[in-house]
PDB file of N, CA and C in Angstrom:
ATOM      1  N   MET A   1       4.099  -0.157  23.946  1.00  0.00           N
ATOM      2  CA  MET A   1       3.588   0.244  22.653  1.00  0.00           C
ATOM      3  C   MET A   1       2.171  -0.283  22.492  1.00  0.00           C
ATOM      4  N   GLY A   2       1.895  -1.496  22.828  1.00  0.00           N
ATOM      5  CA  GLY A   2       0.542  -2.010  22.871  1.00  0.00           C
ATOM      6  C   GLY A   2      -0.120  -2.200  21.526  1.00  0.00           C
ATOM      7  N   ALA A   3      -1.449  -2.165  21.564  1.00  0.00           N
ATOM      8  CA  ALA A   3      -2.254  -2.452  20.376  1.00  0.00           C
ATOM      9  C   ALA A   3      -2.053  -1.414  19.279  1.00  0.00           C
ATOM     10  N   LEU A   4      -1.901  -0.144  19.648  1.00  0.00           N
ATOM     11  CA  LEU A   4      -1.694   0.891  18.634  1.00  0.00           C
ATOM     12  C   LEU A   4      -0.398   0.646  17.873  1.00  0.00           C
ATOM     13  N   GLY A   5       0.646   0.217  18.568  1.00  0.00           N
ATOM     14  CA  GLY A   5       1.903  -0.111  17.902  1.00  0.00           C
ATOM     15  C   GLY A   5       1.748  -1.260  16.932  1.00  0.00           C
ATOM     16  N   LEU A   6       0.941  -2.244  17.316  1.00  0.00           N
ATOM     17  CA  LEU A   6       0.675  -3.369  16.421  1.00  0.00           C
ATOM     18  C   LEU A   6      -0.046  -2.895  15.164  1.00  0.00           C
ATOM     19  N   VAL A   7      -1.029  -2.018  15.335  1.00  0.00           N
ATOM     20  CA  VAL A   7      -1.769  -1.484  14.186  1.00  0.00           C
ATOM     21  C   VAL A   7      -0.831  -0.680  13.281  1.00  0.00           C
ATOM     22  N   ILE A   8      -0.005   0.152  13.853  1.00  0.00           N
ATOM     23  CA  ILE A   8       0.920   0.964  13.052  1.00  0.00           C
ATOM     24  C   ILE A   8       1.900   0.071  12.302  1.00  0.00           C
ATOM     25  N   ASN A   9       2.430  -0.949  12.974  1.00  0.00           N
ATOM     26  CA  ASN A   9       3.352  -1.869  12.297  1.00  0.00           C
ATOM     27  C   ASN A   9       2.660  -2.608  11.158  1.00  0.00           C
ATOM     28  N   ALA A  10       1.406  -3.020  11.365  1.00  0.00           N
ATOM     29  CA  ALA A  10       0.664  -3.698  10.302  1.00  0.00           C
ATOM     30  C   ALA A  10       0.427  -2.764   9.119  1.00  0.00           C
ATOM     31  N   LEU A  11       0.128  -1.495   9.392  1.00  0.00           N
ATOM     32  CA  LEU A  11      -0.082  -0.530   8.310  1.00  0.00           C
ATOM     33  C   LEU A  11       1.204  -0.274   7.529  1.00  0.00           C
ATOM     34  N   VAL A  12       2.309  -0.168   8.215  1.00  0.00           N
ATOM     35  CA  VAL A  12       3.589   0.036   7.537  1.00  0.00           C
ATOM     36  C   VAL A  12       3.911  -1.165   6.653  1.00  0.00           C
ATOM     37  N   LEU A  13       3.675  -2.367   7.144  1.00  0.00           N
ATOM     38  CA  LEU A  13       3.906  -3.566   6.338  1.00  0.00           C
ATOM     39  C   LEU A  13       2.990  -3.573   5.114  1.00  0.00           C
ATOM     40  N   PHE A  14       1.706  -3.286   5.324  1.00  0.00           N
ATOM     41  CA  PHE A  14       0.734  -3.235   4.229  1.00  0.00           C
ATOM     42  C   PHE A  14       1.160  -2.228   3.166  1.00  0.00           C
ATOM     43  N   HIS A  15       1.507  -1.010   3.583  1.00  0.00           N
ATOM     44  CA  HIS A  15       1.917   0.022   2.633  1.00  0.00           C
ATOM     45  C   HIS A  15       3.205  -0.345   1.920  1.00  0.00           C
ATOM     46  N   THR A  16       4.141  -0.962   2.636  1.00  0.00           N
ATOM     47  CA  THR A  16       5.404  -1.375   2.027  1.00  0.00           C
ATOM     48  C   THR A  16       5.170  -2.386   0.912  1.00  0.00           C
ATOM     49  N   ARG A  17       4.321  -3.379   1.171  1.00  0.00           N
ATOM     50  CA  ARG A  17       4.045  -4.400   0.149  1.00  0.00           C
ATOM     51  C   ARG A  17       3.385  -3.784  -1.083  1.00  0.00           C
ATOM     52  N   TYR A  18       2.414  -2.887  -0.879  1.00  0.00           N
ATOM     53  CA  TYR A  18       1.730  -2.293  -2.016  1.00  0.00           C
ATOM     54  C   TYR A  18       2.603  -1.292  -2.753  1.00  0.00           C
ATOM     55  N   MET A  19       3.443  -0.559  -2.041  1.00  0.00           N
ATOM     56  CA  MET A  19       4.355   0.366  -2.724  1.00  0.00           C
ATOM     57  C   MET A  19       5.350  -0.417  -3.574  1.00  0.00           C
ATOM     58  N   ASP A  20       5.855  -1.537  -3.050  1.00  0.00           N
ATOM     59  CA  ASP A  20       6.765  -2.377  -3.819  1.00  0.00           C
ATOM     60  C   ASP A  20       6.066  -2.938  -5.053  1.00  0.00           C
ATOM     61  N   ALA A  21       4.819  -3.401  -4.887  1.00  0.00           N
ATOM     62  CA  ALA A  21       4.069  -3.929  -6.031  1.00  0.00           C
ATOM     63  C   ALA A  21       3.821  -2.838  -7.071  1.00  0.00           C
ATOM     64  N   ALA A  22       3.512  -1.625  -6.613  1.00  0.00           N
ATOM     65  CA  ALA A  22       3.251  -0.524  -7.538  1.00  0.00           C
ATOM     66  C   ALA A  22       4.515  -0.130  -8.309  1.00  0.00           C
ATOM     67  N   VAL A  23       5.643  -0.049  -7.617  1.00  0.00           N
ATOM     68  CA  VAL A  23       6.909   0.297  -8.285  1.00  0.00           C
ATOM     69  C   VAL A  23       7.290  -0.792  -9.284  1.00  0.00           C
ATOM     70  N   THR A  24       7.131  -2.044  -8.898  1.00  0.00           N
ATOM     71  CA  THR A  24       7.427  -3.155  -9.800  1.00  0.00           C
ATOM     72  C   THR A  24       6.541  -3.096 -11.034  1.00  0.00           C
ATOM     73  N   GLN A  25       5.248  -2.817 -10.840  1.00  0.00           N
ATOM     74  CA  GLN A  25       4.313  -2.718 -11.967  1.00  0.00           C
ATOM     75  C   GLN A  25       4.677  -1.549 -12.883  1.00  0.00           C
ATOM     76  N   LEU A  26       5.007  -0.402 -12.302  1.00  0.00           N
ATOM     77  CA  LEU A  26       5.407   0.745 -13.122  1.00  0.00           C
ATOM     78  C   LEU A  26       6.635   0.420 -13.959  1.00  0.00           C
ATOM     79  N   ARG A  27       7.615  -0.197 -13.338  1.00  0.00           N
ATOM     80  CA  ARG A  27       8.833  -0.540 -14.068  1.00  0.00           C
ATOM     81  C   ARG A  27       8.548  -1.560 -15.169  1.00  0.00           C
ATOM     82  N   SER A  28       7.681  -2.536 -14.895  1.00  0.00           N
ATOM     83  CA  SER A  28       7.374  -3.535 -15.922  1.00  0.00           C
ATOM     84  C   SER A  28       6.547  -2.935 -17.057  1.00  0.00           C
ATOM     85  N   ASP A  29       5.821  -1.846 -16.793  1.00  0.00           N
ATOM     86  CA  ASP A  29       5.066  -1.153 -17.837  1.00  0.00           C
ATOM     87  C   ASP A  29       5.927  -0.176 -18.629  1.00  0.00           C
ATOM     88  N   GLY A  30       7.205  -0.090 -18.275  1.00  0.00           N
ATOM     89  CA  GLY A  30       8.124   0.737 -19.044  1.00  0.00           C
ATOM     90  C   GLY A  30       8.344   2.138 -18.501  1.00  0.00           C
ATOM     91  N   PHE A  31       7.750   2.461 -17.354  1.00  0.00           N
ATOM     92  CA  PHE A  31       7.975   3.775 -16.759  1.00  0.00           C
ATOM     93  C   PHE A  31       9.343   3.805 -16.099  1.00  0.00           C
ATOM     94  N   GLU A  32       9.996   4.946 -16.191  1.00  0.00           N
ATOM     95  CA  GLU A  32      11.280   5.101 -15.523  1.00  0.00           C
ATOM     96  C   GLU A  32      11.021   5.452 -14.061  1.00  0.00           C
ATOM     97  N   VAL A  33      11.397   4.566 -13.174  1.00  0.00           N
ATOM     98  CA  VAL A  33      11.282   4.800 -11.742  1.00  0.00           C
ATOM     99  C   VAL A  33      12.694   4.775 -11.190  1.00  0.00           C
ATOM    100  N   ARG A  34      13.183   5.927 -10.808  1.00  0.00           N
ATOM    101  CA  ARG A  34      14.566   6.033 -10.350  1.00  0.00           C
ATOM    102  C   ARG A  34      14.699   5.535  -8.917  1.00  0.00           C
ATOM    103  N   ASP A  35      15.819   4.902  -8.628  1.00  0.00           N
ATOM    104  CA  ASP A  35      16.085   4.406  -7.278  1.00  0.00           C
ATOM    105  C   ASP A  35      16.119   5.551  -6.265  1.00  0.00           C
ATOM    106  N   GLU A  36      16.564   6.735  -6.700  1.00  0.00           N
ATOM    107  CA  GLU A  36      16.599   7.900  -5.804  1.00  0.00           C
ATOM    108  C   GLU A  36      15.182   8.289  -5.371  1.00  0.00           C
ATOM    109  N   ASP A  37      14.226   8.157  -6.282  1.00  0.00           N
ATOM    110  CA  ASP A  37      12.839   8.478  -5.957  1.00  0.00           C
ATOM    111  C   ASP A  37      12.236   7.426  -5.028  1.00  0.00           C
ATOM    112  N   VAL A  38      12.546   6.160  -5.291  1.00  0.00           N
ATOM    113  CA  VAL A  38      12.034   5.080  -4.451  1.00  0.00           C
ATOM    114  C   VAL A  38      12.583   5.222  -3.032  1.00  0.00           C
ATOM    115  N   ALA A  39      13.835   5.658  -2.906  1.00  0.00           N
ATOM    116  CA  ALA A  39      14.448   5.814  -1.590  1.00  0.00           C
ATOM    117  C   ALA A  39      13.731   6.869  -0.751  1.00  0.00           C
ATOM    118  N   ARG A  40      13.024   7.799  -1.386  1.00  0.00           N
ATOM    119  CA  ARG A  40      12.318   8.851  -0.653  1.00  0.00           C
ATOM    120  C   ARG A  40      10.881   8.484  -0.280  1.00  0.00           C
ATOM    121  N   LEU A  41      10.404   7.320  -0.754  1.00  0.00           N
ATOM    122  CA  LEU A  41       9.059   6.887  -0.396  1.00  0.00           C
ATOM    123  C   LEU A  41       9.024   6.475   1.071  1.00  0.00           C
ATOM    124  N   SER A  42       7.901   6.708   1.697  1.00  0.00           N
ATOM    125  CA  SER A  42       7.737   6.312   3.090  1.00  0.00           C
ATOM    126  C   SER A  42       6.462   5.499   3.258  1.00  0.00           C
ATOM    127  N   PRO A  43       6.560   4.325   3.870  1.00  0.00           N
ATOM    128  CA  PRO A  43       5.360   3.525   4.107  1.00  0.00           C
ATOM    129  C   PRO A  43       4.580   4.000   5.331  1.00  0.00           C
ATOM    130  N   PHE A  44       5.051   5.047   5.993  1.00  0.00           N
ATOM    131  CA  PHE A  44       4.413   5.522   7.213  1.00  0.00           C
ATOM    132  C   PHE A  44       3.404   6.624   6.899  1.00  0.00           C
ATOM    133  N   VAL A  45       2.541   6.357   5.943  1.00  0.00           N
ATOM    134  CA  VAL A  45       1.468   7.281   5.585  1.00  0.00           C
ATOM    135  C   VAL A  45       0.287   6.941   6.484  1.00  0.00           C
ATOM    136  N   ARG A  46      -0.183   7.898   7.229  1.00  0.00           N
ATOM    137  CA  ARG A  46      -1.214   7.575   8.201  1.00  0.00           C
ATOM    138  C   ARG A  46      -2.340   8.596   8.273  1.00  0.00           C
ATOM    139  N   HIS A  47      -2.313   9.651   7.454  1.00  0.00           N
ATOM    140  CA  HIS A  47      -3.345  10.691   7.570  1.00  0.00           C
ATOM    141  C   HIS A  47      -4.735  10.180   7.212  1.00  0.00           C
ATOM    142  N   HIS A  48      -4.826   9.094   6.470  1.00  0.00           N
ATOM    143  CA  HIS A  48      -6.127   8.540   6.091  1.00  0.00           C
ATOM    144  C   HIS A  48      -6.586   7.431   7.036  1.00  0.00           C
ATOM    145  N   ILE A  49      -5.832   7.185   8.096  1.00  0.00           N
ATOM    146  CA  ILE A  49      -6.149   6.124   9.040  1.00  0.00           C
ATOM    147  C   ILE A  49      -6.751   6.725  10.309  1.00  0.00           C
ATOM    148  N   ASN A  50      -7.878   6.205  10.730  1.00  0.00           N
ATOM    149  CA  ASN A  50      -8.513   6.632  11.963  1.00  0.00           C
ATOM    150  C   ASN A  50      -8.075   5.695  13.075  1.00  0.00           C
ATOM    151  N   VAL A  51      -7.147   6.123  13.912  1.00  0.00           N
ATOM    152  CA  VAL A  51      -6.648   5.254  14.978  1.00  0.00           C
ATOM    153  C   VAL A  51      -7.533   5.314  16.221  1.00  0.00           C
ATOM    154  N   LEU A  52      -8.613   6.082  16.169  1.00  0.00           N
ATOM    155  CA  LEU A  52      -9.501   6.181  17.316  1.00  0.00           C
ATOM    156  C   LEU A  52     -10.828   5.469  17.089  1.00  0.00           C
ATOM    157  N   GLY A  53     -10.993   4.861  15.933  1.00  0.00           N
ATOM    158  CA  GLY A  53     -12.272   4.239  15.598  1.00  0.00           C
ATOM    159  C   GLY A  53     -12.306   2.755  15.865  1.00  0.00           C
ATOM    160  N   ARG A  54     -13.247   2.093  15.241  1.00  0.00           N
ATOM    161  CA  ARG A  54     -13.384   0.643  15.370  1.00  0.00           C
ATOM    162  C   ARG A  54     -12.588  -0.034  14.272  1.00  0.00           C
ATOM    163  N   TYR A  55     -12.130  -1.234  14.569  1.00  0.00           N
ATOM    164  CA  TYR A  55     -11.312  -1.976  13.632  1.00  0.00           C
ATOM    165  C   TYR A  55     -11.983  -3.292  13.285  1.00  0.00           C
ATOM    166  N   SER A  56     -11.857  -3.688  12.057  1.00  0.00           N
ATOM    167  CA  SER A  56     -12.318  -4.994  11.623  1.00  0.00           C
ATOM    168  C   SER A  56     -11.118  -5.749  11.070  1.00  0.00           C
ATOM    169  N   PHE A  57     -10.845  -6.894  11.635  1.00  0.00           N
ATOM    170  CA  PHE A  57      -9.701  -7.672  11.209  1.00  0.00           C
ATOM    171  C   PHE A  57     -10.106  -8.865  10.359  1.00  0.00           C
ATOM    172  N   GLN A  58     -11.312  -8.833   9.814  1.00  0.00           N
ATOM    173  CA  GLN A  58     -11.761  -9.893   8.935  1.00  0.00           C
ATOM    174  C   GLN A  58     -11.396  -9.527   7.500  1.00  0.00           C
ATOM    175  N   LEU A  59     -10.388 -10.177   6.999  1.00  0.00           N
ATOM    176  CA  LEU A  59      -9.914  -9.889   5.657  1.00  0.00           C
ATOM    177  C   LEU A  59     -10.584 -10.813   4.652  1.00  0.00           C
ATOM    178  N   PRO A  60     -10.954 -10.272   3.500  1.00  0.00           N
ATOM    179  CA  PRO A  60     -11.524 -11.151   2.474  1.00  0.00           C
ATOM    180  C   PRO A  60     -10.434 -12.029   1.867  1.00  0.00           C
ATOM    181  N   GLU A  61     -10.845 -13.129   1.289  1.00  0.00           N
ATOM    182  CA  GLU A  61      -9.897 -13.987   0.581  1.00  0.00           C
ATOM    183  C   GLU A  61      -9.496 -13.288  -0.714  1.00  0.00           C
ATOM    184  N   LEU A  62      -8.227 -13.010  -0.855  1.00  0.00           N
ATOM    185  CA  LEU A  62      -7.733 -12.302  -2.027  1.00  0.00           C
ATOM    186  C   LEU A  62      -6.898 -13.248  -2.877  1.00  0.00           C
ATOM    187  N   PRO A  63      -7.216 -13.370  -4.150  1.00  0.00           N
ATOM    188  CA  PRO A  63      -6.400 -14.240  -5.003  1.00  0.00           C
ATOM    189  C   PRO A  63      -4.995 -13.667  -5.142  1.00  0.00           C
ATOM    190  N   GLY A  64      -4.004 -14.449  -4.871  1.00  0.00           N
ATOM    191  CA  GLY A  64      -2.631 -13.992  -4.989  1.00  0.00           C
ATOM    192  C   GLY A  64      -2.149 -13.203  -3.792  1.00  0.00           C
ATOM    193  N   GLY A  65      -2.999 -12.953  -2.814  1.00  0.00           N
ATOM    194  CA  GLY A  65      -2.573 -12.283  -1.600  1.00  0.00           C
ATOM    195  C   GLY A  65      -2.696 -10.773  -1.610  1.00  0.00           C
ATOM    196  N   LEU A  66      -2.735 -10.138  -2.759  1.00  0.00           N
ATOM    197  CA  LEU A  66      -2.839  -8.683  -2.829  1.00  0.00           C
ATOM    198  C   LEU A  66      -4.023  -8.294  -3.695  1.00  0.00           C
ATOM    199  N   ARG A  67      -4.610  -7.151  -3.379  1.00  0.00           N
ATOM    200  CA  ARG A  67      -5.632  -6.612  -4.271  1.00  0.00           C
ATOM    201  C   ARG A  67      -4.947  -6.207  -5.566  1.00  0.00           C
ATOM    202  N   PRO A  68      -5.649  -6.238  -6.698  1.00  0.00           N
ATOM    203  CA  PRO A  68      -5.025  -5.810  -7.949  1.00  0.00           C
ATOM    204  C   PRO A  68      -4.737  -4.319  -7.929  1.00  0.00           C
ATOM    205  N   LEU A  69      -3.645  -3.939  -8.544  1.00  0.00           N
ATOM    206  CA  LEU A  69      -3.319  -2.525  -8.677  1.00  0.00           C
ATOM    207  C   LEU A  69      -4.235  -1.891  -9.708  1.00  0.00           C
ATOM    208  N   ARG A  70      -4.337  -0.574  -9.665  1.00  0.00           N
ATOM    209  CA  ARG A  70      -5.183   0.118 -10.622  1.00  0.00           C
ATOM    210  C   ARG A  70      -4.671  -0.074 -12.035  1.00  0.00           C
ATOM    211  N   ASP A  71      -5.591  -0.181 -12.966  1.00  0.00           N
ATOM    212  CA  ASP A  71      -5.240  -0.301 -14.377  1.00  0.00           C
ATOM    213  C   ASP A  71      -4.750   1.061 -14.860  1.00  0.00           C
ATOM    214  N   LYS A  72      -3.595   1.077 -15.510  1.00  0.00           N
ATOM    215  CA  LYS A  72      -3.029   2.351 -15.959  1.00  0.00           C
ATOM    216  C   LYS A  72      -3.888   3.023 -17.019  1.00  0.00           C
ATOM    217  N   HIS A  73      -4.771   2.267 -17.668  1.00  0.00           N
ATOM    218  CA  HIS A  73      -5.640   2.832 -18.713  1.00  0.00           C
ATOM    219  C   HIS A  73      -6.994   3.270 -18.158  1.00  0.00           C
ATOM    220  N   ALA A  74      -7.265   2.981 -16.911  1.00  0.00           N
ATOM    221  CA  ALA A  74      -8.565   3.330 -16.320  1.00  0.00           C
ATOM    222  C   ALA A  74      -8.619   4.826 -16.012  1.00  0.00           C
ATOM    223  N   THR A  75      -9.808   5.387 -16.101  1.00  0.00           N
ATOM    224  CA  THR A  75     -10.001   6.784 -15.711  1.00  0.00           C
ATOM    225  C   THR A  75     -10.377   6.834 -14.247  1.00  0.00           C
ATOM    226  N   ASP A  76     -10.421   8.027 -13.674  1.00  0.00           N
ATOM    227  CA  ASP A  76     -10.794   8.186 -12.287  1.00  0.00           C
ATOM    228  C   ASP A  76     -12.239   7.795 -12.035  1.00  0.00           C
ATOM    229  N   ASP A  77     -13.066   7.786 -13.078  1.00  0.00           N
ATOM    230  CA  ASP A  77     -14.482   7.441 -12.934  1.00  0.00           C
ATOM    231  C   ASP A  77     -14.695   5.936 -12.825  1.00  0.00           C
ATOM    232  N   ASP A  78     -13.688   5.109 -13.206  1.00  0.00           N
ATOM    233  CA  ASP A  78     -13.858   3.645 -13.205  1.00  0.00           C
ATOM    234  C   ASP A  78     -13.835   3.085 -11.809  1.00  0.00           C
TER     235      ASP A  78
END
C-alpha cells in the first residue's frame, strides 16, 4: 500500500473527526440529525484531494486540536 495508503488513511481519519465534530455541533445547536443519515456519511471523500501533487506535513498549532467549524450565522461571503 505504501505512502499513498498512509495518505488515504490520514485523510479518512481527518474527515471522520471533522464529520463527528460537525454532527455534534449540529445536534447541540438543536438541528435534528437522524442516526440513519449519519450512517450514510462516508469519510472517504477524495475528489478534492490531489494525490499526484506535493505534500506539506507541517501543521499549524491549532487550539483544541481542530480548526473551528463554520459559524451557522455566517454567510458564504465571510
